[in-house]
C-alpha atoms as a PDB file:
ATOM      1  CA  MET A   1      25.306  38.151  24.629  1.00  0.00           C
ATOM      2  CA  LYS A   2      27.624  35.429  24.149  1.00  0.00           C
ATOM      3  CA  VAL A   3      27.054  33.353  26.569  1.00  0.00           C
ATOM      4  CA  ALA A   4      29.592  29.779  27.463  1.00  0.00           C
ATOM      5  CA  VAL A   5      28.583  27.299  29.426  1.00  0.00           C
ATOM      6  CA  LEU A   6      31.160  24.723  30.567  1.00  0.00           C
ATOM      7  CA  GLY A   7      29.578  21.550  32.745  1.00  0.00           C
ATOM      8  CA  SER A   8      26.190  22.654  30.268  1.00  0.00           C
ATOM      9  CA  ASN A   9      24.968  18.913  30.029  1.00  0.00           C
ATOM     10  CA  GLY A  10      24.704  18.077  33.886  1.00  0.00           C
ATOM     11  CA  GLN A  11      22.293  19.239  36.762  1.00  0.00           C
ATOM     12  CA  LEU A  12      22.965  22.979  37.570  1.00  0.00           C
ATOM     13  CA  GLY A  13      23.797  24.025  33.969  1.00  0.00           C
ATOM     14  CA  THR A  14      20.759  22.340  32.029  1.00  0.00           C
ATOM     15  CA  ASP A  15      19.578  25.235  34.129  1.00  0.00           C
ATOM     16  CA  VAL A  16      21.175  27.097  33.324  1.00  0.00           C
ATOM     17  CA  VAL A  17      21.502  27.470  29.444  1.00  0.00           C
ATOM     18  CA  ARG A  18      18.021  27.586  29.904  1.00  0.00           C
ATOM     19  CA  ALA A  19      17.722  31.080  32.252  1.00  0.00           C
ATOM     20  CA  PHE A  20      20.309  32.454  29.855  1.00  0.00           C
ATOM     21  CA  ALA A  21      18.159  31.222  26.137  1.00  0.00           C
ATOM     22  CA  ASP A  22      14.446  31.673  27.309  1.00  0.00           C
ATOM     23  CA  ASN A  23      16.288  35.176  27.784  1.00  0.00           C
ATOM     24  CA  GLY A  24      17.892  35.361  24.519  1.00  0.00           C
ATOM     25  CA  ASP A  25      21.380  35.535  25.291  1.00  0.00           C
ATOM     26  CA  GLU A  26      23.301  33.288  22.398  1.00  0.00           C
ATOM     27  CA  VAL A  27      24.515  30.897  24.573  1.00  0.00           C
ATOM     28  CA  PHE A  28      27.216  28.140  24.163  1.00  0.00           C
ATOM     29  CA  ALA A  29      26.628  24.563  26.634  1.00  0.00           C
ATOM     30  CA  LEU A  30      29.730  23.244  25.918  1.00  0.00           C
ATOM     31  CA  THR A  31      30.530  19.425  27.814  1.00  0.00           C
ATOM     32  CA  HIS A  32      33.607  18.136  28.567  1.00  0.00           C
ATOM     33  CA  ALA A  33      33.554  16.176  24.737  1.00  0.00           C
ATOM     34  CA  ASP A  34      33.985  20.009  24.141  1.00  0.00           C
ATOM     35  CA  VAL A  35      36.891  21.225  25.959  1.00  0.00           C
ATOM     36  CA  GLU A  36      38.334  20.054  28.873  1.00  0.00           C
ATOM     37  CA  ILE A  37      38.891  22.445  31.952  1.00  0.00           C
ATOM     38  CA  ALA A  38      42.336  21.065  33.452  1.00  0.00           C
ATOM     39  CA  ASN A  39      43.798  21.810  29.892  1.00  0.00           C
ATOM     40  CA  ARG A  40      45.179  25.079  29.933  1.00  0.00           C
ATOM     41  CA  GLU A  41      45.174  25.229  25.592  1.00  0.00           C
ATOM     42  CA  SER A  42      41.631  23.534  25.223  1.00  0.00           C
ATOM     43  CA  VAL A  43      40.005  26.238  27.633  1.00  0.00           C
ATOM     44  CA  SER A  44      41.999  29.139  25.581  1.00  0.00           C
ATOM     45  CA  SER A  45      41.024  27.302  22.338  1.00  0.00           C
ATOM     46  CA  LYS A  46      37.778  26.904  22.978  1.00  0.00           C
ATOM     47  CA  LEU A  47      36.887  30.178  24.415  1.00  0.00           C
ATOM     48  CA  HIS A  48      39.534  32.459  22.256  1.00  0.00           C
ATOM     49  CA  GLU A  49      37.038  30.983  19.302  1.00  0.00           C
ATOM     50  CA  LEU A  50      33.922  31.349  21.024  1.00  0.00           C
ATOM     51  CA  GLN A  51      34.569  35.287  21.729  1.00  0.00           C
ATOM     52  CA  PRO A  52      32.337  34.619  24.684  1.00  0.00           C
ATOM     53  CA  ASP A  53      31.027  37.616  26.565  1.00  0.00           C
ATOM     54  CA  ILE A  54      30.033  35.774  30.242  1.00  0.00           C
ATOM     55  CA  VAL A  55      31.398  32.682  30.771  1.00  0.00           C
ATOM     56  CA  VAL A  56      29.992  30.355  33.698  1.00  0.00           C
ATOM     57  CA  ASN A  57      31.479  27.699  35.106  1.00  0.00           C
ATOM     58  CA  THR A  58      29.728  24.565  36.447  1.00  0.00           C
ATOM     59  CA  ALA A  59      32.071  21.617  36.274  1.00  0.00           C
ATOM     60  CA  ALA A  60      33.196  20.020  38.583  1.00  0.00           C
ATOM     61  CA  MET A  61      34.297  16.566  39.409  1.00  0.00           C
ATOM     62  CA  HIS A  62      31.525  16.443  42.850  1.00  0.00           C
ATOM     63  CA  HIS A  63      30.909  13.322  43.444  1.00  0.00           C
ATOM     64  CA  VAL A  64      32.779  13.138  46.783  1.00  0.00           C
ATOM     65  CA  GLU A  65      34.060   8.805  47.307  1.00  0.00           C
ATOM     66  CA  ASN A  66      35.802   9.563  43.417  1.00  0.00           C
ATOM     67  CA  CYS A  67      37.553  12.558  44.842  1.00  0.00           C
ATOM     68  CA  GLU A  68      38.559  11.140  47.878  1.00  0.00           C
ATOM     69  CA  SER A  69      40.102   8.001  45.407  1.00  0.00           C
ATOM     70  CA  GLU A  70      41.103   9.806  42.728  1.00  0.00           C
ATOM     71  CA  PRO A  71      41.997  13.168  44.582  1.00  0.00           C
ATOM     72  CA  ASP A  72      45.215  14.884  41.920  1.00  0.00           C
ATOM     73  CA  LYS A  73      42.174  13.827  38.908  1.00  0.00           C
ATOM     74  CA  ALA A  74      39.887  15.927  41.444  1.00  0.00           C
ATOM     75  CA  PHE A  75      42.560  18.758  41.955  1.00  0.00           C
ATOM     76  CA  ALA A  76      42.999  19.017  37.871  1.00  0.00           C
ATOM     77  CA  ILE A  77      38.954  19.402  37.350  1.00  0.00           C
ATOM     78  CA  ASN A  78      37.905  21.975  40.270  1.00  0.00           C
ATOM     79  CA  ALA A  79      40.994  24.069  40.979  1.00  0.00           C
ATOM     80  CA  LEU A  80      43.530  24.091  38.371  1.00  0.00           C
ATOM     81  CA  GLY A  81      40.240  23.804  36.206  1.00  0.00           C
ATOM     82  CA  ALA A  82      38.882  26.512  37.471  1.00  0.00           C
ATOM     83  CA  ARG A  83      41.701  28.756  37.499  1.00  0.00           C
ATOM     84  CA  ASN A  84      42.401  27.855  33.510  1.00  0.00           C
ATOM     85  CA  LEU A  85      39.053  29.115  33.298  1.00  0.00           C
ATOM     86  CA  ALA A  86      39.756  32.885  34.963  1.00  0.00           C
ATOM     87  CA  LEU A  87      43.310  33.150  33.147  1.00  0.00           C
ATOM     88  CA  VAL A  88      41.471  32.566  30.245  1.00  0.00           C
ATOM     89  CA  ALA A  89      38.297  34.903  31.131  1.00  0.00           C
ATOM     90  CA  ARG A  90      40.598  37.613  31.858  1.00  0.00           C
ATOM     91  CA  ASP A  91      42.034  37.107  28.450  1.00  0.00           C
ATOM     92  CA  ILE A  92      39.610  37.441  25.651  1.00  0.00           C
ATOM     93  CA  GLY A  93      37.844  40.307  28.619  1.00  0.00           C
ATOM     94  CA  SER A  94      34.545  37.724  29.797  1.00  0.00           C
ATOM     95  CA  VAL A  95      33.235  38.201  33.546  1.00  0.00           C
ATOM     96  CA  LEU A  96      34.098  34.498  34.120  1.00  0.00           C
ATOM     97  CA  MET A  97      31.477  33.349  37.367  1.00  0.00           C
ATOM     98  CA  HIS A  98      32.243  30.022  38.852  1.00  0.00           C
ATOM     99  CA  VAL A  99      29.880  28.393  40.430  1.00  0.00           C
ATOM    100  CA  SER A 100      31.228  26.824  44.343  1.00  0.00           C
ATOM    101  CA  THR A 101      30.087  25.238  46.979  1.00  0.00           C
ATOM    102  CA  ASP A 102      29.993  26.315  50.550  1.00  0.00           C
ATOM    103  CA  TYR A 103      32.166  23.168  51.433  1.00  0.00           C
ATOM    104  CA  VAL A 104      34.243  25.717  51.645  1.00  0.00           C
ATOM    105  CA  PHE A 105      33.775  27.000  55.582  1.00  0.00           C
ATOM    106  CA  ASP A 106      34.351  25.292  58.369  1.00  0.00           C
ATOM    107  CA  GLY A 107      31.521  26.232  60.228  1.00  0.00           C
ATOM    108  CA  SER A 108      33.521  27.829  63.363  1.00  0.00           C
ATOM    109  CA  LYS A 109      33.153  31.705  62.355  1.00  0.00           C
ATOM    110  CA  GLY A 110      29.610  31.708  64.523  1.00  0.00           C
ATOM    111  CA  SER A 111      27.825  35.194  62.027  1.00  0.00           C
ATOM    112  CA  PRO A 112      27.368  34.336  58.073  1.00  0.00           C
ATOM    113  CA  TYR A 113      29.531  34.297  56.059  1.00  0.00           C
ATOM    114  CA  ASP A 114      30.269  36.848  53.782  1.00  0.00           C
ATOM    115  CA  GLU A 115      32.487  37.208  49.770  1.00  0.00           C
ATOM    116  CA  GLY A 116      35.520  38.992  51.879  1.00  0.00           C
ATOM    117  CA  ASP A 117      36.116  35.672  53.897  1.00  0.00           C
ATOM    118  CA  PRO A 118      38.916  33.438  53.013  1.00  0.00           C
ATOM    119  CA  PRO A 119      37.967  29.398  52.831  1.00  0.00           C
ATOM    120  CA  THR A 120      38.654  27.881  56.346  1.00  0.00           C
ATOM    121  CA  LYS A 121      37.906  24.201  54.651  1.00  0.00           C
ATOM    122  CA  CYS A 122      39.673  21.940  52.598  1.00  0.00           C
ATOM    123  CA  SER A 123      38.891  18.758  51.430  1.00  0.00           C
ATOM    124  CA  SER A 124      39.333  15.614  49.634  1.00  0.00           C
ATOM    125  CA  ASP A 125      38.673  18.016  46.371  1.00  0.00           C
ATOM    126  CA  ARG A 126      39.825  20.965  47.027  1.00  0.00           C
ATOM    127  CA  PRO A 127      37.724  23.398  46.499  1.00  0.00           C
ATOM    128  CA  VAL A 128      39.448  25.741  48.795  1.00  0.00           C
ATOM    129  CA  SER A 129      42.103  25.642  45.964  1.00  0.00           C
ATOM    130  CA  ALA A 130      39.169  26.250  43.392  1.00  0.00           C
ATOM    131  CA  THR A 131      38.322  29.551  45.626  1.00  0.00           C
ATOM    132  CA  TRP A 132      41.487  31.067  45.166  1.00  0.00           C
ATOM    133  CA  PHE A 133      42.222  29.767  41.024  1.00  0.00           C
ATOM    134  CA  GLY A 134      38.359  31.173  40.015  1.00  0.00           C
ATOM    135  CA  ASN A 135      39.187  34.271  41.536  1.00  0.00           C
ATOM    136  CA  CYS A 136      43.039  34.512  40.014  1.00  0.00           C
ATOM    137  CA  ARG A 137      41.615  38.952  39.153  1.00  0.00           C
ATOM    138  CA  PRO A 138      40.054  37.834  36.048  1.00  0.00           C
ATOM    139  CA  ASN A 139      38.792  41.543  35.139  1.00  0.00           C
ATOM    140  CA  ARG A 140      35.663  40.885  36.130  1.00  0.00           C
ATOM    141  CA  PRO A 141      35.061  37.919  39.269  1.00  0.00           C
ATOM    142  CA  CYS A 142      32.247  36.350  40.315  1.00  0.00           C
ATOM    143  CA  GLU A 143      31.969  33.777  42.776  1.00  0.00           C
ATOM    144  CA  SER A 144      28.040  32.066  43.627  1.00  0.00           C
ATOM    145  CA  ARG A 145      28.756  29.875  46.802  1.00  0.00           C
ATOM    146  CA  HIS A 146      25.583  26.460  47.035  1.00  0.00           C
ATOM    147  CA  SER A 147      24.715  24.517  50.052  1.00  0.00           C
ATOM    148  CA  ALA A 148      21.935  23.253  47.751  1.00  0.00           C
ATOM    149  CA  ARG A 149      20.747  23.521  44.483  1.00  0.00           C
ATOM    150  CA  TYR A 150      16.207  24.214  44.761  1.00  0.00           C
ATOM    151  CA  ASP A 151      13.774  24.424  41.620  1.00  0.00           C
END
Protein backbone atom coordinates (compact mmCIF):
# COMPACT_ATOMS: atom_id res chain seq x y z
CA MET A 1 0.00 0.00 0.00
CA LYS A 2 1.19 3.55 -0.75
CA VAL A 3 0.94 5.92 2.23
CA ALA A 4 1.63 9.66 2.34
CA VAL A 5 2.35 10.96 5.85
CA LEU A 6 2.26 14.73 6.26
CA GLY A 7 4.11 16.14 9.23
CA SER A 8 6.43 13.14 9.04
CA ASN A 9 9.26 14.88 10.88
CA GLY A 10 7.19 15.50 14.02
CA GLN A 11 6.92 13.23 17.05
CA LEU A 12 3.74 11.47 15.92
CA GLY A 13 4.58 11.59 12.21
CA THR A 14 7.91 9.86 12.80
CA ASP A 15 6.17 6.98 14.58
CA VAL A 16 3.46 6.74 11.91
CA VAL A 17 6.07 6.54 9.15
CA ARG A 18 7.93 3.83 11.05
CA ALA A 19 4.77 1.79 11.67
CA PHE A 20 3.73 1.80 8.01
CA ALA A 21 7.31 1.07 6.86
CA ASP A 22 7.58 -1.82 9.35
CA ASN A 23 4.36 -3.17 7.84
CA GLY A 24 6.02 -3.22 4.42
CA ASP A 25 4.08 -0.31 2.98
CA GLU A 26 5.57 2.21 0.57
CA VAL A 27 5.75 5.40 2.65
CA PHE A 28 6.13 8.96 1.40
CA ALA A 29 7.38 10.93 4.42
CA LEU A 30 6.36 14.52 3.69
CA THR A 31 7.43 17.62 5.58
CA HIS A 32 6.65 21.31 5.19
CA ALA A 33 9.55 21.50 2.74
CA ASP A 34 7.73 19.00 0.48
CA VAL A 35 4.20 20.35 0.61
CA GLU A 36 2.46 23.43 2.05
CA ILE A 37 -0.87 22.10 3.33
CA ALA A 38 -2.33 25.61 3.63
CA ASN A 39 -1.97 25.91 -0.17
CA ARG A 40 -4.41 23.69 -2.06
CA GLU A 41 -2.36 23.74 -5.26
CA SER A 42 0.72 22.53 -3.37
CA VAL A 43 -1.33 19.70 -1.82
CA SER A 44 -2.92 18.81 -5.14
CA SER A 45 0.35 18.78 -7.05
CA LYS A 46 2.16 16.55 -4.56
CA LEU A 47 -0.67 14.07 -3.94
CA HIS A 48 -1.53 13.77 -7.64
CA GLU A 49 2.15 13.01 -8.26
CA LEU A 50 2.35 10.34 -5.52
CA GLN A 51 -1.15 8.81 -5.87
CA PRO A 52 -1.20 7.37 -2.32
CA ASP A 53 -3.85 4.91 -1.16
CA ILE A 54 -3.87 6.56 2.28
CA VAL A 55 -3.07 10.14 3.32
CA VAL A 56 -2.24 10.57 7.02
CA ASN A 57 -2.27 14.14 8.32
CA THR A 58 -0.14 14.64 11.41
CA ALA A 59 0.87 18.16 10.38
CA ALA A 60 -0.27 21.02 12.59
CA MET A 61 0.66 24.30 14.16
CA HIS A 62 0.27 23.26 17.78
CA HIS A 63 2.32 25.60 19.95
CA VAL A 64 -0.45 27.43 21.81
CA GLU A 65 1.37 30.74 22.22
CA ASN A 66 2.22 30.87 18.51
CA CYS A 67 -1.36 29.99 17.58
CA GLU A 68 -2.62 32.82 19.75
CA SER A 69 -0.13 35.35 18.39
CA GLU A 70 -0.63 34.24 14.75
CA PRO A 71 -4.28 33.12 14.53
CA ASP A 72 -4.54 33.57 10.76
CA LYS A 73 -1.50 31.38 10.15
CA ALA A 74 -2.80 28.78 12.63
CA PHE A 75 -6.19 28.76 10.90
CA ALA A 76 -4.58 28.38 7.47
CA ILE A 77 -2.50 25.40 8.60
CA ASN A 78 -4.83 23.66 11.05
CA ALA A 79 -8.20 24.27 9.41
CA LEU A 80 -7.69 25.07 5.74
CA GLY A 81 -4.84 22.56 5.55
CA ALA A 82 -7.16 19.80 6.76
CA ARG A 83 -9.77 20.91 4.24
CA ASN A 84 -7.25 20.94 1.39
CA LEU A 85 -6.09 17.43 2.23
CA ALA A 86 -9.67 16.17 2.46
CA LEU A 87 -10.66 17.64 -0.90
CA VAL A 88 -7.58 16.39 -2.74
CA ALA A 89 -7.76 12.95 -1.11
CA ARG A 90 -11.36 12.73 -2.29
CA ASP A 91 -10.36 13.80 -5.80
CA ILE A 92 -7.69 11.10 -6.15
CA GLY A 93 -9.64 8.37 -4.34
CA SER A 94 -7.40 8.17 -1.28
CA VAL A 95 -8.44 7.49 2.29
CA LEU A 96 -7.68 10.47 4.56
CA MET A 97 -6.78 9.91 8.19
CA HIS A 98 -6.81 13.25 9.98
CA VAL A 99 -5.25 13.30 13.45
CA SER A 100 -6.99 15.78 15.73
CA THR A 101 -7.31 16.51 19.42
CA ASP A 102 -9.89 15.97 22.12
CA TYR A 103 -9.55 19.72 22.79
CA VAL A 104 -12.53 20.28 20.47
CA PHE A 105 -14.83 19.29 23.37
CA ASP A 106 -15.63 21.44 26.37
CA GLY A 107 -16.29 18.54 28.76
CA SER A 108 -19.91 19.48 29.49
CA LYS A 109 -21.51 16.34 28.01
CA GLY A 110 -21.29 14.36 31.24
CA SER A 111 -20.46 11.10 29.46
CA PRO A 112 -17.78 9.95 27.00
CA TYR A 113 -17.77 11.63 23.61
CA ASP A 114 -18.08 9.58 20.44
CA GLU A 115 -17.59 10.07 16.71
CA GLY A 116 -21.02 11.60 16.19
CA ASP A 117 -20.62 14.36 18.77
CA PRO A 118 -20.15 17.81 17.25
CA PRO A 119 -17.22 19.89 18.47
CA THR A 120 -18.22 22.26 21.26
CA LYS A 121 -15.09 24.30 21.82
CA CYS A 122 -12.94 26.54 19.70
CA SER A 123 -9.51 27.78 20.70
CA SER A 124 -7.14 30.15 19.00
CA ASP A 125 -5.88 27.42 16.68
CA ARG A 126 -9.49 26.69 15.68
CA PRO A 127 -9.56 22.89 16.08
CA VAL A 128 -13.33 22.93 15.57
CA SER A 129 -12.82 24.20 12.03
CA ALA A 130 -10.11 21.64 11.40
CA THR A 131 -12.43 18.89 12.55
CA TRP A 132 -15.26 20.02 10.30
CA PHE A 133 -13.02 20.82 7.32
CA GLY A 134 -11.11 17.56 7.77
CA ASN A 135 -14.38 15.69 7.46
CA CYS A 136 -15.65 17.56 4.38
CA ARG A 137 -16.68 14.28 2.82
CA PRO A 138 -13.63 12.59 1.42
CA ASN A 139 -14.43 9.16 0.01
CA ARG A 140 -13.75 7.32 3.26
CA PRO A 141 -12.91 9.77 6.06
CA CYS A 142 -11.19 8.75 9.22
CA GLU A 143 -10.42 11.02 12.15
CA SER A 144 -8.56 10.19 15.33
CA ARG A 145 -8.69 12.50 18.36
CA HIS A 146 -6.05 12.21 21.06
CA SER A 147 -5.49 13.89 24.39
CA ALA A 148 -1.92 12.61 24.67
CA ARG A 149 0.59 10.42 22.90
CA TYR A 150 2.14 7.43 24.64
CA ASP A 151 4.99 5.18 23.55
